[in-house]
N, C-alpha and C. Protein backbone atom coordinates (compact mmCIF):
# COMPACT_ATOMS: atom_id res chain seq x y z
N MET A 1 0.87 -1.19 0.00
CA MET A 1 0.00 0.00 0.00
C MET A 1 0.89 1.22 0.00
N SER A 2 0.68 1.96 -0.93
CA SER A 2 1.56 3.13 -1.10
C SER A 2 0.99 4.34 -0.39
N GLY A 3 1.88 5.19 0.38
CA GLY A 3 1.41 6.43 1.08
C GLY A 3 1.13 7.55 0.13
N LEU A 4 0.19 8.49 0.65
CA LEU A 4 -0.18 9.67 -0.15
C LEU A 4 0.90 10.71 -0.05
N GLN A 5 1.24 11.27 -1.15
CA GLN A 5 2.26 12.32 -1.21
C GLN A 5 1.61 13.65 -1.55
N ALA A 6 1.91 14.74 -0.72
CA ALA A 6 1.33 16.08 -0.99
C ALA A 6 2.13 16.76 -2.07
N THR A 7 1.41 17.45 -2.88
CA THR A 7 2.05 18.19 -3.94
C THR A 7 2.61 19.50 -3.41
N PRO A 8 3.54 20.10 -4.10
CA PRO A 8 4.11 21.40 -3.66
C PRO A 8 3.04 22.47 -3.50
N LYS A 9 2.00 22.43 -4.28
CA LYS A 9 0.93 23.45 -4.17
C LYS A 9 0.20 23.29 -2.86
N GLU A 10 -0.07 22.01 -2.50
CA GLU A 10 -0.80 21.78 -1.25
C GLU A 10 0.05 22.21 -0.06
N TRP A 11 1.34 21.94 -0.15
CA TRP A 11 2.22 22.39 0.94
C TRP A 11 2.21 23.92 1.07
N ALA A 12 2.22 24.60 -0.01
CA ALA A 12 2.22 26.06 0.03
C ALA A 12 0.95 26.59 0.66
N LEU A 13 -0.20 25.99 0.27
CA LEU A 13 -1.48 26.44 0.85
C LEU A 13 -1.51 26.19 2.36
N ALA A 14 -0.98 25.06 2.80
CA ALA A 14 -1.00 24.74 4.22
C ALA A 14 -0.14 25.72 5.01
N ILE A 15 1.02 26.05 4.47
CA ILE A 15 1.91 26.99 5.17
C ILE A 15 1.28 28.37 5.25
N CYS A 16 0.68 28.83 4.17
CA CYS A 16 0.02 30.17 4.18
C CYS A 16 -1.13 30.21 5.17
N GLY A 17 -1.89 29.12 5.19
CA GLY A 17 -3.03 29.09 6.13
C GLY A 17 -2.55 29.14 7.58
N GLY A 18 -1.44 28.43 7.86
CA GLY A 18 -0.93 28.47 9.24
C GLY A 18 -0.44 29.84 9.63
N LEU A 19 0.25 30.51 8.67
CA LEU A 19 0.72 31.86 8.97
C LEU A 19 -0.44 32.83 9.21
N ALA A 20 -1.49 32.72 8.40
CA ALA A 20 -2.64 33.61 8.57
C ALA A 20 -3.32 33.38 9.92
N LEU A 21 -3.45 32.14 10.32
CA LEU A 21 -4.08 31.82 11.62
C LEU A 21 -3.25 32.38 12.78
N SER A 22 -1.92 32.27 12.67
CA SER A 22 -1.05 32.79 13.73
C SER A 22 -1.17 34.30 13.86
N ALA A 23 -1.21 34.97 12.70
CA ALA A 23 -1.35 36.44 12.73
C ALA A 23 -2.67 36.86 13.36
N ALA A 24 -3.76 36.12 13.05
CA ALA A 24 -5.08 36.46 13.63
C ALA A 24 -5.07 36.30 15.14
N LEU A 25 -4.42 35.23 15.63
CA LEU A 25 -4.35 35.01 17.07
C LEU A 25 -3.57 36.12 17.79
N VAL A 26 -2.47 36.56 17.15
CA VAL A 26 -1.67 37.64 17.76
C VAL A 26 -2.48 38.92 17.88
N LEU A 27 -3.22 39.28 16.80
CA LEU A 27 -4.05 40.51 16.84
C LEU A 27 -5.14 40.41 17.89
N LEU A 28 -5.73 39.22 18.00
CA LEU A 28 -6.81 39.03 18.98
C LEU A 28 -6.30 39.19 20.39
N LEU A 29 -5.12 38.62 20.67
CA LEU A 29 -4.56 38.71 22.02
C LEU A 29 -4.15 40.14 22.36
N ARG A 30 -3.67 40.93 21.41
CA ARG A 30 -3.24 42.31 21.66
C ARG A 30 -4.39 43.32 21.63
N GLY A 31 -5.58 42.91 21.23
CA GLY A 31 -6.73 43.83 21.15
C GLY A 31 -6.71 44.67 19.93
N GLY A 32 -5.83 44.40 19.01
CA GLY A 32 -5.75 45.22 17.82
C GLY A 32 -6.94 45.09 16.94
N GLY A 33 -7.76 44.03 17.10
CA GLY A 33 -8.93 43.88 16.25
C GLY A 33 -10.15 44.54 16.80
N SER A 34 -10.08 45.19 17.97
CA SER A 34 -11.28 45.81 18.58
C SER A 34 -11.42 47.23 18.08
N ASP A 35 -12.65 47.64 17.83
CA ASP A 35 -12.94 49.01 17.39
C ASP A 35 -13.19 49.97 18.56
N ALA A 36 -13.17 49.46 19.84
CA ALA A 36 -13.48 50.32 21.00
C ALA A 36 -12.34 51.30 21.24
N PRO A 37 -12.63 52.55 21.55
CA PRO A 37 -11.59 53.54 21.80
C PRO A 37 -10.85 53.23 23.10
N PRO A 38 -9.63 53.65 23.20
CA PRO A 38 -8.89 53.40 24.44
C PRO A 38 -9.55 54.11 25.61
N PRO A 39 -9.44 53.55 26.82
CA PRO A 39 -10.07 54.18 28.00
C PRO A 39 -9.47 55.55 28.28
N GLN A 40 -10.34 56.52 28.69
CA GLN A 40 -9.91 57.87 28.99
C GLN A 40 -9.77 58.04 30.51
N PRO A 41 -8.79 58.81 30.95
CA PRO A 41 -8.65 59.03 32.40
C PRO A 41 -9.84 59.84 32.94
N VAL A 42 -10.28 59.50 34.15
CA VAL A 42 -11.42 60.16 34.79
C VAL A 42 -10.90 61.29 35.66
N ALA A 43 -11.39 62.53 35.41
CA ALA A 43 -10.96 63.68 36.21
C ALA A 43 -11.59 63.62 37.59
N PRO A 44 -10.86 63.94 38.64
CA PRO A 44 -11.45 63.92 40.00
C PRO A 44 -12.51 65.00 40.14
N ALA A 45 -13.52 64.68 40.94
CA ALA A 45 -14.62 65.62 41.17
C ALA A 45 -14.09 66.83 41.94
N PRO A 46 -14.51 68.06 41.56
CA PRO A 46 -14.03 69.25 42.28
C PRO A 46 -14.49 69.23 43.73
N VAL A 47 -13.62 69.63 44.64
CA VAL A 47 -13.94 69.68 46.06
C VAL A 47 -14.33 71.12 46.40
N SER A 48 -15.58 71.31 46.86
CA SER A 48 -16.07 72.65 47.20
C SER A 48 -15.51 73.07 48.55
N ALA A 49 -15.15 74.34 48.64
CA ALA A 49 -14.61 74.87 49.90
C ALA A 49 -15.73 74.97 50.92
N PRO A 50 -15.43 74.71 52.20
CA PRO A 50 -16.47 74.82 53.23
C PRO A 50 -16.97 76.25 53.34
N PRO A 51 -18.26 76.44 53.63
CA PRO A 51 -18.80 77.81 53.74
C PRO A 51 -18.12 78.57 54.87
N VAL A 52 -17.87 79.85 54.60
CA VAL A 52 -17.24 80.71 55.60
C VAL A 52 -18.33 81.28 56.49
N SER A 53 -18.23 81.00 57.77
CA SER A 53 -19.24 81.49 58.70
C SER A 53 -19.07 82.98 58.94
N GLN A 54 -20.17 83.71 58.90
CA GLN A 54 -20.14 85.15 59.13
C GLN A 54 -20.34 85.42 60.62
N PRO A 55 -19.63 86.39 61.18
CA PRO A 55 -19.83 86.70 62.60
C PRO A 55 -21.25 87.18 62.85
N ALA A 56 -21.82 86.70 63.95
CA ALA A 56 -23.18 87.08 64.30
C ALA A 56 -23.22 88.55 64.68
N PRO A 57 -24.25 89.29 64.24
CA PRO A 57 -24.34 90.70 64.60
C PRO A 57 -24.54 90.87 66.09
N ALA A 58 -24.07 91.99 66.62
CA ALA A 58 -24.23 92.26 68.04
C ALA A 58 -25.70 92.39 68.36
N PRO A 59 -26.18 91.72 69.42
CA PRO A 59 -27.59 91.79 69.74
C PRO A 59 -28.00 93.19 70.16
N ALA A 60 -29.17 93.57 69.79
CA ALA A 60 -29.68 94.89 70.15
C ALA A 60 -30.35 94.81 71.51
N ALA A 61 -30.42 95.95 72.16
CA ALA A 61 -31.08 96.00 73.45
C ALA A 61 -32.57 95.72 73.27
N PRO A 62 -33.23 95.15 74.29
CA PRO A 62 -34.67 94.91 74.19
C PRO A 62 -35.42 96.19 73.83
N VAL A 63 -36.39 96.05 72.93
CA VAL A 63 -37.07 97.24 72.41
C VAL A 63 -37.95 97.91 73.45
N ASP A 64 -38.32 97.20 74.53
CA ASP A 64 -39.22 97.78 75.51
C ASP A 64 -38.48 98.51 76.62
N LEU A 65 -37.17 98.66 76.50
CA LEU A 65 -36.38 99.39 77.49
C LEU A 65 -36.01 100.77 76.94
N VAL A 66 -36.22 101.80 77.74
CA VAL A 66 -35.91 103.17 77.32
C VAL A 66 -35.04 103.80 78.41
N LEU A 67 -33.89 104.31 78.01
CA LEU A 67 -33.01 105.00 78.94
C LEU A 67 -33.48 106.44 79.09
N THR A 68 -33.84 106.82 80.32
CA THR A 68 -34.35 108.18 80.55
C THR A 68 -33.44 109.01 81.43
N GLY A 69 -32.47 108.41 82.09
CA GLY A 69 -31.54 109.15 82.93
C GLY A 69 -30.24 108.40 83.10
N LEU A 70 -29.14 109.15 83.25
CA LEU A 70 -27.83 108.51 83.38
C LEU A 70 -26.88 109.43 84.12
N ARG A 71 -26.13 108.82 85.03
CA ARG A 71 -25.05 109.55 85.70
C ARG A 71 -23.86 108.62 85.80
N ALA A 72 -22.76 108.97 85.14
CA ALA A 72 -21.53 108.20 85.24
C ALA A 72 -20.64 108.84 86.28
N GLY A 73 -19.84 108.01 86.97
CA GLY A 73 -18.95 108.55 87.98
C GLY A 73 -18.07 107.48 88.58
N PRO A 74 -17.14 107.88 89.45
CA PRO A 74 -16.22 106.90 90.05
C PRO A 74 -16.91 105.88 90.94
N ASP A 75 -18.12 106.20 91.40
CA ASP A 75 -18.85 105.24 92.24
C ASP A 75 -19.59 104.20 91.41
N GLY A 76 -19.41 104.21 90.09
CA GLY A 76 -20.10 103.27 89.22
C GLY A 76 -21.27 103.88 88.49
N GLY A 77 -21.78 105.01 89.04
CA GLY A 77 -22.88 105.70 88.38
C GLY A 77 -24.21 105.01 88.61
N MET A 78 -25.22 105.52 87.92
CA MET A 78 -26.58 104.97 88.00
C MET A 78 -27.34 105.38 86.75
N VAL A 79 -28.41 104.65 86.47
CA VAL A 79 -29.26 104.96 85.33
C VAL A 79 -30.72 104.84 85.73
N ILE A 80 -31.56 105.48 84.96
CA ILE A 80 -33.01 105.30 85.08
C ILE A 80 -33.50 104.71 83.77
N ILE A 81 -34.14 103.56 83.87
CA ILE A 81 -34.63 102.83 82.70
C ILE A 81 -36.14 102.66 82.83
N GLU A 82 -36.84 102.97 81.75
CA GLU A 82 -38.29 102.81 81.73
C GLU A 82 -38.66 101.54 80.97
N THR A 83 -39.53 100.74 81.55
CA THR A 83 -40.04 99.54 80.90
C THR A 83 -41.42 99.24 81.46
N GLY A 84 -42.33 98.88 80.58
CA GLY A 84 -43.69 98.59 81.02
C GLY A 84 -44.36 99.75 81.70
N LYS A 85 -44.08 101.00 81.23
CA LYS A 85 -44.66 102.23 81.78
C LYS A 85 -44.23 102.48 83.23
N ARG A 86 -43.15 101.84 83.67
CA ARG A 86 -42.59 102.08 85.00
C ARG A 86 -41.11 102.41 84.85
N GLN A 87 -40.59 103.20 85.78
CA GLN A 87 -39.19 103.58 85.74
C GLN A 87 -38.45 102.95 86.93
N TYR A 88 -37.21 102.56 86.66
CA TYR A 88 -36.40 101.90 87.68
C TYR A 88 -35.04 102.58 87.75
N LEU A 89 -34.58 102.81 88.99
CA LEU A 89 -33.24 103.34 89.21
C LEU A 89 -32.31 102.16 89.43
N LEU A 90 -31.27 102.08 88.64
CA LEU A 90 -30.36 100.94 88.71
C LEU A 90 -28.93 101.41 88.91
N ARG A 91 -28.23 100.70 89.77
CA ARG A 91 -26.78 100.79 89.88
C ARG A 91 -26.18 99.53 89.31
N PRO A 92 -24.89 99.53 88.92
CA PRO A 92 -24.29 98.31 88.39
C PRO A 92 -24.50 97.11 89.32
N GLY A 93 -24.95 96.02 88.71
CA GLY A 93 -25.24 94.81 89.47
C GLY A 93 -26.71 94.59 89.73
N ARG A 94 -27.53 95.65 89.58
CA ARG A 94 -28.96 95.51 89.79
C ARG A 94 -29.62 94.92 88.55
N THR A 95 -30.78 94.25 88.75
CA THR A 95 -31.45 93.54 87.67
C THR A 95 -32.88 94.05 87.51
N LEU A 96 -33.29 94.22 86.26
CA LEU A 96 -34.67 94.62 85.93
C LEU A 96 -35.57 93.40 85.89
N PRO A 97 -36.89 93.59 86.01
CA PRO A 97 -37.79 92.46 85.78
C PRO A 97 -37.57 91.86 84.39
N GLY A 98 -37.47 90.55 84.34
CA GLY A 98 -37.19 89.89 83.08
C GLY A 98 -35.76 89.40 82.98
N GLY A 99 -34.92 89.74 83.99
CA GLY A 99 -33.58 89.20 84.04
C GLY A 99 -32.51 90.02 83.37
N VAL A 100 -32.82 91.26 82.94
CA VAL A 100 -31.80 92.12 82.32
C VAL A 100 -31.03 92.82 83.43
N LYS A 101 -29.69 92.66 83.39
CA LYS A 101 -28.83 93.16 84.46
C LYS A 101 -27.98 94.33 83.96
N LEU A 102 -27.82 95.34 84.81
CA LEU A 102 -26.95 96.46 84.48
C LEU A 102 -25.51 96.08 84.84
N LEU A 103 -24.64 96.02 83.82
CA LEU A 103 -23.24 95.67 84.05
C LEU A 103 -22.42 96.88 84.45
N ARG A 104 -22.53 97.96 83.67
CA ARG A 104 -21.75 99.17 83.97
C ARG A 104 -22.41 100.36 83.28
N VAL A 105 -21.99 101.54 83.72
CA VAL A 105 -22.51 102.80 83.18
C VAL A 105 -21.37 103.51 82.47
N GLU A 106 -21.60 103.92 81.24
CA GLU A 106 -20.63 104.67 80.46
C GLU A 106 -21.25 106.01 80.06
N PRO A 107 -20.43 107.00 79.71
CA PRO A 107 -20.98 108.31 79.35
C PRO A 107 -22.01 108.25 78.22
N GLY A 108 -21.89 107.27 77.32
CA GLY A 108 -22.80 107.21 76.20
C GLY A 108 -24.00 106.30 76.38
N GLY A 109 -24.05 105.53 77.46
CA GLY A 109 -25.18 104.64 77.63
C GLY A 109 -24.94 103.62 78.73
N ALA A 110 -25.90 102.71 78.86
CA ALA A 110 -25.86 101.67 79.87
C ALA A 110 -25.52 100.33 79.21
N ILE A 111 -24.59 99.58 79.81
CA ILE A 111 -24.21 98.27 79.29
C ILE A 111 -25.00 97.23 80.07
N LEU A 112 -25.84 96.50 79.34
CA LEU A 112 -26.74 95.53 79.96
C LEU A 112 -26.34 94.12 79.59
N SER A 113 -26.78 93.17 80.40
CA SER A 113 -26.57 91.75 80.13
C SER A 113 -27.89 91.04 80.31
N GLY A 114 -28.29 90.27 79.28
CA GLY A 114 -29.55 89.56 79.33
C GLY A 114 -29.50 88.29 78.52
N PRO A 115 -30.67 87.69 78.22
CA PRO A 115 -30.71 86.44 77.44
C PRO A 115 -30.02 86.57 76.09
N ALA A 116 -30.03 87.77 75.49
CA ALA A 116 -29.41 87.94 74.17
C ALA A 116 -27.93 88.25 74.25
N GLY A 117 -27.36 88.33 75.46
CA GLY A 117 -25.95 88.66 75.61
C GLY A 117 -25.78 90.10 76.06
N GLU A 118 -24.59 90.63 75.86
CA GLU A 118 -24.27 91.99 76.29
C GLU A 118 -24.76 93.00 75.24
N THR A 119 -25.49 94.01 75.69
CA THR A 119 -26.06 95.01 74.79
C THR A 119 -25.80 96.40 75.35
N VAL A 120 -25.98 97.40 74.48
CA VAL A 120 -25.81 98.80 74.87
C VAL A 120 -27.16 99.50 74.73
N LEU A 121 -27.58 100.16 75.80
CA LEU A 121 -28.81 100.93 75.77
C LEU A 121 -28.46 102.41 75.84
N ALA A 122 -28.80 103.14 74.76
CA ALA A 122 -28.48 104.57 74.68
C ALA A 122 -29.76 105.38 74.72
N PHE A 123 -29.60 106.68 74.84
CA PHE A 123 -30.75 107.56 74.84
C PHE A 123 -31.42 107.55 73.47
N PRO A 124 -32.75 107.67 73.42
CA PRO A 124 -33.42 107.67 72.11
C PRO A 124 -32.91 108.75 71.17
N ASP A 125 -32.55 109.92 71.71
CA ASP A 125 -32.04 110.99 70.86
C ASP A 125 -30.52 111.04 70.84
N ALA A 126 -29.88 110.01 71.42
CA ALA A 126 -28.41 109.87 71.44
C ALA A 126 -27.72 111.00 72.18
N LYS A 127 -28.43 111.65 73.10
CA LYS A 127 -27.83 112.71 73.89
C LYS A 127 -27.78 112.25 75.34
N ALA A 128 -26.58 112.05 75.84
CA ALA A 128 -26.41 111.58 77.21
C ALA A 128 -26.79 112.67 78.19
N VAL A 129 -27.38 112.24 79.31
CA VAL A 129 -27.74 113.15 80.38
C VAL A 129 -26.97 112.69 81.60
N GLY A 130 -26.16 113.51 82.20
CA GLY A 130 -25.39 113.10 83.36
C GLY A 130 -24.42 114.18 83.74
N ALA A 131 -23.25 113.73 84.19
CA ALA A 131 -22.23 114.68 84.60
C ALA A 131 -21.84 115.57 83.44
N GLY A 132 -21.88 116.88 83.67
CA GLY A 132 -21.50 117.82 82.62
C GLY A 132 -22.63 118.21 81.71
N ALA A 133 -23.81 117.54 81.83
CA ALA A 133 -24.93 117.86 80.96
C ALA A 133 -25.80 118.93 81.62
N ALA A 134 -26.60 119.58 80.82
CA ALA A 134 -27.48 120.62 81.36
C ALA A 134 -28.51 119.99 82.28
N PRO A 135 -28.83 120.62 83.42
CA PRO A 135 -29.81 120.05 84.35
C PRO A 135 -31.17 119.90 83.70
N GLN A 136 -31.87 118.87 84.13
CA GLN A 136 -33.24 118.68 83.67
C GLN A 136 -34.14 119.73 84.31
N PRO A 137 -35.14 120.22 83.61
CA PRO A 137 -36.04 121.19 84.22
C PRO A 137 -36.88 120.54 85.30
N PRO A 138 -37.16 121.28 86.41
CA PRO A 138 -37.99 120.71 87.47
C PRO A 138 -39.43 120.59 87.01
N GLY A 139 -40.19 119.84 87.78
CA GLY A 139 -41.61 119.68 87.46
C GLY A 139 -41.98 118.23 87.39
N GLY A 140 -42.61 117.81 86.27
CA GLY A 140 -43.08 116.45 86.16
C GLY A 140 -42.02 115.43 85.80
N ASP A 141 -40.83 115.85 85.42
CA ASP A 141 -39.79 114.92 85.02
C ASP A 141 -39.13 114.34 86.27
N PRO A 142 -39.17 113.00 86.48
CA PRO A 142 -38.59 112.42 87.69
C PRO A 142 -37.09 112.19 87.61
N THR A 143 -36.48 112.41 86.45
CA THR A 143 -35.06 112.06 86.28
C THR A 143 -34.16 112.77 87.28
N PRO A 144 -34.20 114.11 87.45
CA PRO A 144 -33.28 114.74 88.40
C PRO A 144 -33.52 114.30 89.84
N TRP A 145 -34.75 113.96 90.18
CA TRP A 145 -35.06 113.49 91.53
C TRP A 145 -34.42 112.13 91.78
N ARG A 146 -34.54 111.25 90.82
CA ARG A 146 -34.03 109.88 91.01
C ARG A 146 -32.51 109.86 91.00
N LEU A 147 -31.89 110.80 90.30
CA LEU A 147 -30.44 110.85 90.29
C LEU A 147 -29.89 111.52 91.55
N ALA A 148 -30.68 112.38 92.17
CA ALA A 148 -30.21 113.12 93.33
C ALA A 148 -30.49 112.40 94.65
N LEU A 149 -31.47 111.52 94.68
CA LEU A 149 -31.88 110.87 95.92
C LEU A 149 -31.46 109.40 95.92
N ASN A 150 -30.90 108.95 97.05
CA ASN A 150 -30.50 107.57 97.20
C ASN A 150 -31.14 106.99 98.46
N PRO A 151 -31.59 105.73 98.39
CA PRO A 151 -32.32 105.16 99.54
C PRO A 151 -31.42 104.94 100.76
N VAL A 152 -32.01 105.18 101.91
CA VAL A 152 -31.38 104.85 103.20
C VAL A 152 -32.14 103.66 103.76
N ARG A 153 -31.41 102.60 104.11
CA ARG A 153 -32.06 101.36 104.53
C ARG A 153 -31.70 101.03 105.97
N ALA A 154 -32.65 100.35 106.60
CA ALA A 154 -32.45 99.81 107.94
C ALA A 154 -33.17 98.46 108.00
N ALA A 155 -32.43 97.43 108.38
CA ALA A 155 -32.99 96.07 108.44
C ALA A 155 -33.58 95.66 107.10
N GLY A 156 -32.95 96.10 106.00
CA GLY A 156 -33.40 95.71 104.67
C GLY A 156 -34.54 96.52 104.11
N SER A 157 -35.08 97.47 104.87
CA SER A 157 -36.21 98.28 104.41
C SER A 157 -35.77 99.73 104.21
N ILE A 158 -36.43 100.42 103.28
CA ILE A 158 -36.13 101.83 103.02
C ILE A 158 -36.77 102.68 104.11
N THR A 159 -35.96 103.52 104.77
CA THR A 159 -36.47 104.41 105.81
C THR A 159 -36.44 105.87 105.39
N GLY A 160 -35.88 106.16 104.25
CA GLY A 160 -35.82 107.52 103.76
C GLY A 160 -34.94 107.60 102.53
N TRP A 161 -34.77 108.86 102.04
CA TRP A 161 -33.99 109.08 100.83
C TRP A 161 -33.02 110.21 101.07
N ARG A 162 -31.71 109.94 100.95
CA ARG A 162 -30.67 110.92 101.21
C ARG A 162 -30.49 111.80 99.98
N LEU A 163 -30.47 113.10 100.21
CA LEU A 163 -30.28 114.07 99.14
C LEU A 163 -28.78 114.24 98.91
N ASP A 164 -28.27 113.71 97.81
CA ASP A 164 -26.84 113.75 97.50
C ASP A 164 -26.46 114.88 96.56
N SER A 165 -27.44 115.51 95.92
CA SER A 165 -27.14 116.59 94.99
C SER A 165 -28.37 117.47 94.83
N LEU A 166 -28.13 118.76 94.63
CA LEU A 166 -29.21 119.69 94.34
C LEU A 166 -29.21 120.12 92.88
N ALA A 167 -28.34 119.53 92.07
CA ALA A 167 -28.28 119.87 90.65
C ALA A 167 -29.59 119.51 89.97
N GLY A 168 -30.17 120.46 89.27
CA GLY A 168 -31.43 120.23 88.58
C GLY A 168 -32.64 120.32 89.47
N LEU A 169 -32.47 120.63 90.77
CA LEU A 169 -33.60 120.73 91.71
C LEU A 169 -33.54 122.06 92.46
N PRO A 170 -33.64 123.18 91.75
CA PRO A 170 -33.53 124.49 92.42
C PRO A 170 -34.66 124.73 93.41
N GLN A 171 -35.82 124.10 93.22
CA GLN A 171 -36.93 124.33 94.14
C GLN A 171 -36.62 123.77 95.53
N LEU A 172 -35.82 122.69 95.62
CA LEU A 172 -35.44 122.15 96.93
C LEU A 172 -34.44 123.06 97.61
N GLU A 173 -33.48 123.56 96.85
CA GLU A 173 -32.49 124.47 97.42
C GLU A 173 -33.16 125.76 97.90
N LYS A 174 -34.12 126.26 97.13
CA LYS A 174 -34.83 127.49 97.51
C LYS A 174 -35.65 127.29 98.78
N ALA A 175 -36.17 126.04 98.97
CA ALA A 175 -36.97 125.76 100.16
C ALA A 175 -36.11 125.58 101.40
N GLY A 176 -34.78 125.47 101.24
CA GLY A 176 -33.91 125.34 102.40
C GLY A 176 -33.33 123.96 102.61
N LEU A 177 -33.57 123.02 101.71
CA LEU A 177 -33.00 121.69 101.85
C LEU A 177 -31.50 121.73 101.55
N ARG A 178 -30.75 120.80 102.16
CA ARG A 178 -29.31 120.74 102.00
C ARG A 178 -28.89 119.33 101.59
N VAL A 179 -27.72 119.27 100.97
CA VAL A 179 -27.14 117.96 100.65
C VAL A 179 -26.87 117.22 101.96
N GLY A 180 -27.28 115.99 102.04
CA GLY A 180 -27.14 115.18 103.25
C GLY A 180 -28.44 115.01 104.00
N ASP A 181 -29.46 115.86 103.71
CA ASP A 181 -30.76 115.67 104.33
C ASP A 181 -31.36 114.33 103.92
N VAL A 182 -32.09 113.71 104.84
CA VAL A 182 -32.75 112.44 104.55
C VAL A 182 -34.26 112.68 104.55
N LEU A 183 -34.86 112.65 103.36
CA LEU A 183 -36.30 112.88 103.23
C LEU A 183 -37.04 111.64 103.72
N SER A 184 -38.02 111.85 104.61
CA SER A 184 -38.74 110.71 105.17
C SER A 184 -40.22 110.69 104.81
N GLU A 185 -40.84 111.87 104.64
CA GLU A 185 -42.28 111.92 104.34
C GLU A 185 -42.57 113.06 103.37
N VAL A 186 -43.62 112.87 102.58
CA VAL A 186 -44.14 113.92 101.71
C VAL A 186 -45.64 113.99 101.93
N ASP A 187 -46.11 115.15 102.42
CA ASP A 187 -47.54 115.34 102.73
C ASP A 187 -48.06 114.22 103.63
N GLY A 188 -47.24 113.82 104.59
CA GLY A 188 -47.66 112.81 105.57
C GLY A 188 -47.52 111.38 105.11
N THR A 189 -47.07 111.13 103.86
CA THR A 189 -46.90 109.78 103.34
C THR A 189 -45.43 109.38 103.42
N PRO A 190 -45.11 108.25 104.10
CA PRO A 190 -43.70 107.83 104.20
C PRO A 190 -43.10 107.53 102.84
N LEU A 191 -41.86 107.96 102.65
CA LEU A 191 -41.14 107.68 101.40
C LEU A 191 -40.39 106.36 101.57
N ILE A 192 -41.10 105.27 101.38
CA ILE A 192 -40.50 103.95 101.62
C ILE A 192 -40.42 103.12 100.35
N SER A 193 -40.61 103.73 99.20
CA SER A 193 -40.54 102.98 97.94
C SER A 193 -40.03 103.88 96.83
N GLU A 194 -39.46 103.27 95.80
CA GLU A 194 -39.00 104.02 94.64
C GLU A 194 -40.17 104.63 93.90
N GLU A 195 -41.31 103.93 93.90
CA GLU A 195 -42.48 104.44 93.18
C GLU A 195 -42.92 105.80 93.73
N LYS A 196 -42.83 105.98 95.06
CA LYS A 196 -43.25 107.25 95.64
C LYS A 196 -42.33 108.39 95.22
N ILE A 197 -41.04 108.11 95.10
CA ILE A 197 -40.11 109.13 94.62
C ILE A 197 -40.43 109.50 93.18
N MET A 198 -40.80 108.49 92.38
CA MET A 198 -41.13 108.76 90.98
C MET A 198 -42.40 109.61 90.87
N GLU A 199 -43.30 109.48 91.83
CA GLU A 199 -44.55 110.23 91.79
C GLU A 199 -44.40 111.64 92.37
N LEU A 200 -43.36 111.86 93.17
CA LEU A 200 -43.21 113.13 93.88
C LEU A 200 -43.18 114.34 92.95
N PRO A 201 -42.39 114.35 91.88
CA PRO A 201 -42.39 115.54 91.01
C PRO A 201 -43.74 115.78 90.33
N GLN A 202 -44.48 114.70 90.04
CA GLN A 202 -45.81 114.89 89.46
C GLN A 202 -46.76 115.55 90.46
N GLU A 203 -46.65 115.14 91.72
CA GLU A 203 -47.49 115.74 92.76
C GLU A 203 -47.16 117.22 92.93
N LEU A 204 -45.86 117.53 92.89
CA LEU A 204 -45.46 118.93 93.02
C LEU A 204 -45.96 119.76 91.85
N ALA A 205 -45.87 119.20 90.64
CA ALA A 205 -46.33 119.93 89.47
C ALA A 205 -47.84 120.11 89.49
N ALA A 206 -48.58 119.10 90.00
CA ALA A 206 -50.04 119.17 89.99
C ALA A 206 -50.59 120.05 91.12
N ASN A 207 -49.97 120.00 92.33
CA ASN A 207 -50.52 120.68 93.50
C ASN A 207 -49.90 122.06 93.73
N GLY A 208 -48.74 122.30 93.13
CA GLY A 208 -48.09 123.59 93.32
C GLY A 208 -47.13 123.61 94.48
N SER A 209 -47.33 122.75 95.49
CA SER A 209 -46.42 122.69 96.63
C SER A 209 -46.62 121.35 97.35
N VAL A 210 -45.59 120.94 98.10
CA VAL A 210 -45.67 119.73 98.93
C VAL A 210 -44.94 120.01 100.24
N ARG A 211 -45.35 119.29 101.30
CA ARG A 211 -44.68 119.39 102.59
C ARG A 211 -43.74 118.19 102.72
N ILE A 212 -42.48 118.46 102.97
CA ILE A 212 -41.47 117.40 103.08
C ILE A 212 -40.92 117.38 104.50
N ASN A 213 -41.01 116.22 105.13
CA ASN A 213 -40.37 116.00 106.42
C ASN A 213 -39.04 115.31 106.18
N LEU A 214 -38.01 115.75 106.91
CA LEU A 214 -36.68 115.18 106.72
C LEU A 214 -35.93 115.11 108.04
N ARG A 215 -34.86 114.31 108.01
CA ARG A 215 -33.97 114.19 109.17
C ARG A 215 -32.65 114.89 108.85
N ARG A 216 -32.21 115.75 109.78
CA ARG A 216 -30.96 116.49 109.60
C ARG A 216 -30.25 116.58 110.96
N GLY A 217 -29.10 115.93 111.05
CA GLY A 217 -28.31 115.99 112.28
C GLY A 217 -29.06 115.54 113.50
N GLY A 218 -29.87 114.51 113.38
CA GLY A 218 -30.62 113.99 114.52
C GLY A 218 -31.93 114.71 114.79
N LYS A 219 -32.24 115.73 114.01
CA LYS A 219 -33.50 116.45 114.17
C LYS A 219 -34.45 116.15 113.02
N THR A 220 -35.76 116.25 113.31
CA THR A 220 -36.78 116.09 112.28
C THR A 220 -37.34 117.47 111.95
N LEU A 221 -37.23 117.85 110.67
CA LEU A 221 -37.65 119.18 110.22
C LEU A 221 -38.69 119.05 109.13
N GLU A 222 -39.46 120.11 108.95
CA GLU A 222 -40.47 120.14 107.89
C GLU A 222 -40.26 121.38 107.03
N PHE A 223 -40.33 121.16 105.69
CA PHE A 223 -40.15 122.25 104.73
C PHE A 223 -41.29 122.20 103.73
N THR A 224 -41.67 123.37 103.24
CA THR A 224 -42.65 123.46 102.17
C THR A 224 -41.90 123.77 100.87
N VAL A 225 -42.06 122.88 99.90
CA VAL A 225 -41.39 123.02 98.61
C VAL A 225 -42.42 123.48 97.60
N ASN A 226 -42.17 124.60 96.95
CA ASN A 226 -43.08 125.14 95.93
C ASN A 226 -42.58 124.78 94.55
N ARG A 227 -43.50 124.70 93.65
CA ARG A 227 -43.18 124.33 92.26
C ARG A 227 -42.28 125.37 91.62
């Protein structure tokens, strides 16, 4: 039995086919036959800067407080503040109804401390009244009275009001009152509250005169003060 012999043509076709197959495998392994574009680098997402916090505005003084009198001085001074149709005389450290505390007195206003923090209470017309300012006119205005009179206490109760200044109160000086006098009664009513002092100038303006009893050097004296 004789073996089959391949012709030169068949050998050539076999060799070409093998070469073509090898080339196809190489392209497939390298990805050269793919039409997909090469991968593109991904840009990182922009990082936004954190928001810049703005400083909180300074709290304003409560709108129902009105500064009506002020005296600054080495003793800490004092102020008169109106709230709820009532007036209060405050020295540093004293507290108004509602928890607002007077921290200190400055020539331009009162420094208060309350639920909103530290605030400044100034005069509505921005004109300070106190040392060096023109005296308030006498009559119905209680400001000069409250700045001139300070309570005298015994066993925690007010027993009178010491006259520390006659500035702005010429009617008291004309009647014969002196600095250091302790006022105890007006028209027979004991001066045992701040409210009575606040009402005193109104009574004088309405009635034209009042009788004031006071203590001076261990004596009790009576003076008639005219409007």
